[in-house]
Amino acid sequence: ACNKYMTKSGGKETYHIRCRPHPFHVLRQNKMLSCAGADRLSSGMRGSYGKPMEMSARIAIGQCIFSIRTKDANGHHAIEALRRAKFKFPGRQKILRSAKWGFTKF
């Protein structure tokens, strides 16, 4: 949502988005059979470590998720893009505007 809005409103070359957290946390799933006679085939919770299905990022409270670097003329577009992107995440997010240049440690 953030990338699409910034491309549409500001242009492709007017911004730089960085996704701060990296997905290192592995989500696993123990697949269970739900068909007739599954009680003879499955072992239940015995050996239920599961197979890796997808990756996710663990985010702490107050941690920065996205950063957009753009010129001051496109600042209001960046704030609107982040406002639209925050609906994709659970919980409550804040949008902060910094006077510093470039990507900082924040």
C-alpha atoms as a PDB file:
ATOM      1  CA  ALA A   1       0.000   0.000   0.000  1.00  0.00           C
ATOM      2  CA  CYS A   2       2.828   2.353   0.872  1.00  0.00           C
ATOM      3  CA  ASN A   3       4.865   1.728  -2.271  1.00  0.00           C
ATOM      4  CA  LYS A   4       1.869   1.934  -4.599  1.00  0.00           C
ATOM      5  CA  TYR A   5       0.641   5.236  -3.174  1.00  0.00           C
ATOM      6  CA  MET A   6       4.099   6.829  -3.310  1.00  0.00           C
ATOM      7  CA  THR A   7       4.577   5.713  -6.915  1.00  0.00           C
ATOM      8  CA  LYS A   8       1.167   7.041  -7.902  1.00  0.00           C
ATOM      9  CA  SER A   9       1.395  10.392  -6.121  1.00  0.00           C
ATOM     10  CA  GLY A  10       5.086  11.302  -6.156  1.00  0.00           C
ATOM     11  CA  GLY A  11       6.625   9.304  -8.972  1.00  0.00           C
ATOM     12  CA  LYS A  12       8.958   6.328  -9.055  1.00  0.00           C
ATOM     13  CA  GLU A  13      12.212   8.227  -8.479  1.00  0.00           C
ATOM     14  CA  THR A  14      11.148  10.570  -5.666  1.00  0.00           C
ATOM     15  CA  TYR A  15      11.328   8.314  -2.606  1.00  0.00           C
ATOM     16  CA  HIS A  16      13.152   5.450  -0.916  1.00  0.00           C
ATOM     17  CA  ILE A  17      11.324   3.005   1.389  1.00  0.00           C
ATOM     18  CA  ARG A  18      13.133   0.788   3.861  1.00  0.00           C
ATOM     19  CA  CYS A  19      11.516  -2.065   5.754  1.00  0.00           C
ATOM     20  CA  ARG A  20      13.415  -2.131   9.052  1.00  0.00           C
ATOM     21  CA  PRO A  21      12.741  -5.556  10.675  1.00  0.00           C
ATOM     22  CA  HIS A  22      13.897  -8.731   8.933  1.00  0.00           C
ATOM     23  CA  PRO A  23      11.856 -11.950   9.013  1.00  0.00           C
ATOM     24  CA  PHE A  24      13.968 -14.451  10.929  1.00  0.00           C
ATOM     25  CA  HIS A  25      11.226 -16.112  12.975  1.00  0.00           C
ATOM     26  CA  VAL A  26      10.114 -19.426  11.414  1.00  0.00           C
ATOM     27  CA  LEU A  27       6.439 -20.341  11.670  1.00  0.00           C
ATOM     28  CA  ARG A  28       5.817 -24.091  11.732  1.00  0.00           C
ATOM     29  CA  GLN A  29       2.678 -26.143  11.219  1.00  0.00           C
ATOM     30  CA  ASN A  30       1.886 -29.642  12.416  1.00  0.00           C
ATOM     31  CA  LYS A  31      -0.466 -30.910   9.728  1.00  0.00           C
ATOM     32  CA  MET A  32      -3.240 -33.098  11.046  1.00  0.00           C
ATOM     33  CA  LEU A  33      -5.420 -35.483   9.051  1.00  0.00           C
ATOM     34  CA  SER A  34      -9.156 -34.831   9.247  1.00  0.00           C
ATOM     35  CA  CYS A  35     -10.502 -37.577   7.019  1.00  0.00           C
ATOM     36  CA  ALA A  36     -12.252 -40.814   7.964  1.00  0.00           C
ATOM     37  CA  GLY A  37      -9.912 -43.215   9.710  1.00  0.00           C
ATOM     38  CA  ALA A  38      -7.400 -40.496  10.530  1.00  0.00           C
ATOM     39  CA  ASP A  39      -7.063 -41.762  14.105  1.00  0.00           C
ATOM     40  CA  ARG A  40      -5.189 -44.841  12.847  1.00  0.00           C
ATOM     41  CA  LEU A  41      -2.878 -42.832  10.550  1.00  0.00           C
ATOM     42  CA  SER A  42      -1.929 -39.803  12.611  1.00  0.00           C
ATOM     43  CA  SER A  43       0.119 -39.745  15.783  1.00  0.00           C
ATOM     44  CA  GLY A  44      -1.567 -36.708  17.361  1.00  0.00           C
ATOM     45  CA  MET A  45       0.763 -34.492  19.344  1.00  0.00           C
ATOM     46  CA  ARG A  46       3.576 -37.046  19.438  1.00  0.00           C
ATOM     47  CA  GLY A  47       6.540 -35.632  17.509  1.00  0.00           C
ATOM     48  CA  SER A  48       4.618 -32.463  16.683  1.00  0.00           C
ATOM     49  CA  TYR A  49       7.522 -30.178  15.814  1.00  0.00           C
ATOM     50  CA  GLY A  50       5.987 -29.291  12.449  1.00  0.00           C
ATOM     51  CA  LYS A  51       7.302 -28.300   9.066  1.00  0.00           C
ATOM     52  CA  PRO A  52       8.448 -24.729   8.354  1.00  0.00           C
ATOM     53  CA  MET A  53       5.692 -22.882   6.505  1.00  0.00           C
ATOM     54  CA  GLU A  54       6.650 -19.181   6.422  1.00  0.00           C
ATOM     55  CA  MET A  55       8.828 -16.508   7.978  1.00  0.00           C
ATOM     56  CA  SER A  56       7.814 -13.590  10.153  1.00  0.00           C
ATOM     57  CA  ALA A  57       9.448 -10.716  11.993  1.00  0.00           C
ATOM     58  CA  ARG A  58       9.158 -10.245  15.744  1.00  0.00           C
ATOM     59  CA  ILE A  59       8.566  -6.569  16.451  1.00  0.00           C
ATOM     60  CA  ALA A  60       8.851  -4.960  19.876  1.00  0.00           C
ATOM     61  CA  ILE A  61       6.753  -2.074  21.135  1.00  0.00           C
ATOM     62  CA  GLY A  62       8.178   1.192  19.886  1.00  0.00           C
ATOM     63  CA  GLN A  63      10.263  -0.412  17.138  1.00  0.00           C
ATOM     64  CA  CYS A  64      10.438   1.295  13.747  1.00  0.00           C
ATOM     65  CA  ILE A  65       8.780  -0.755  10.970  1.00  0.00           C
ATOM     66  CA  PHE A  66       9.025   1.387   7.815  1.00  0.00           C
ATOM     67  CA  SER A  67      11.084   4.416   6.856  1.00  0.00           C
ATOM     68  CA  ILE A  68      10.520   6.642   3.848  1.00  0.00           C
ATOM     69  CA  ARG A  69      13.186   9.037   2.641  1.00  0.00           C
ATOM     70  CA  THR A  70      11.875  11.780   0.370  1.00  0.00           C
ATOM     71  CA  LYS A  71      12.144  15.511  -0.231  1.00  0.00           C
ATOM     72  CA  ASP A  72      10.084  18.000   1.765  1.00  0.00           C
ATOM     73  CA  ALA A  73       7.774  18.638  -1.182  1.00  0.00           C
ATOM     74  CA  ASN A  74       6.561  15.030  -1.016  1.00  0.00           C
ATOM     75  CA  GLY A  75       6.391  14.891   2.770  1.00  0.00           C
ATOM     76  CA  HIS A  76       2.597  14.929   2.949  1.00  0.00           C
ATOM     77  CA  HIS A  77       2.457  12.096   0.392  1.00  0.00           C
ATOM     78  CA  ALA A  78       4.817  10.016   2.546  1.00  0.00           C
ATOM     79  CA  ILE A  79       2.678  10.563   5.648  1.00  0.00           C
ATOM     80  CA  GLU A  80      -0.459   9.527   3.754  1.00  0.00           C
ATOM     81  CA  ALA A  81       1.330   6.445   2.360  1.00  0.00           C
ATOM     82  CA  LEU A  82       2.386   5.356   5.841  1.00  0.00           C
ATOM     83  CA  ARG A  83      -1.129   6.006   7.144  1.00  0.00           C
ATOM     84  CA  ARG A  84      -2.514   3.641   4.507  1.00  0.00           C
ATOM     85  CA  ALA A  85       0.184   1.043   5.224  1.00  0.00           C
ATOM     86  CA  LYS A  86      -0.428   0.943   8.961  1.00  0.00           C
ATOM     87  CA  PHE A  87      -3.851  -0.646   8.449  1.00  0.00           C
ATOM     88  CA  LYS A  88      -2.049  -3.785   7.196  1.00  0.00           C
ATOM     89  CA  PHE A  89      -0.437  -4.382  10.607  1.00  0.00           C
ATOM     90  CA  PRO A  90      -2.146  -5.422  13.834  1.00  0.00           C
ATOM     91  CA  GLY A  91      -1.940  -3.128  16.825  1.00  0.00           C
ATOM     92  CA  ARG A  92      -1.412   0.612  16.976  1.00  0.00           C
ATOM     93  CA  GLN A  93       1.276   2.393  14.969  1.00  0.00           C
ATOM     94  CA  LYS A  94       2.561   5.950  15.116  1.00  0.00           C
ATOM     95  CA  ILE A  95       3.812   8.028  12.203  1.00  0.00           C
ATOM     96  CA  LEU A  96       6.718  10.294  13.056  1.00  0.00           C
ATOM     97  CA  ARG A  97       8.287  12.952  10.874  1.00  0.00           C
ATOM     98  CA  SER A  98      11.960  13.617  11.463  1.00  0.00           C
ATOM     99  CA  ALA A  99      14.021  16.678  10.573  1.00  0.00           C
ATOM    100  CA  LYS A 100      17.135  14.522  10.047  1.00  0.00           C
ATOM    101  CA  TRP A 101      18.428  13.636   6.613  1.00  0.00           C
ATOM    102  CA  GLY A 102      18.802  10.116   5.259  1.00  0.00           C
ATOM    103  CA  PHE A 103      18.225   6.907   7.193  1.00  0.00           C
ATOM    104  CA  THR A 104      19.169   7.163  10.836  1.00  0.00           C
ATOM    105  CA  LYS A 105      19.257   4.594  13.617  1.00  0.00           C
ATOM    106  CA  PHE A 106      16.205   6.383  15.149  1.00  0.00           C
END
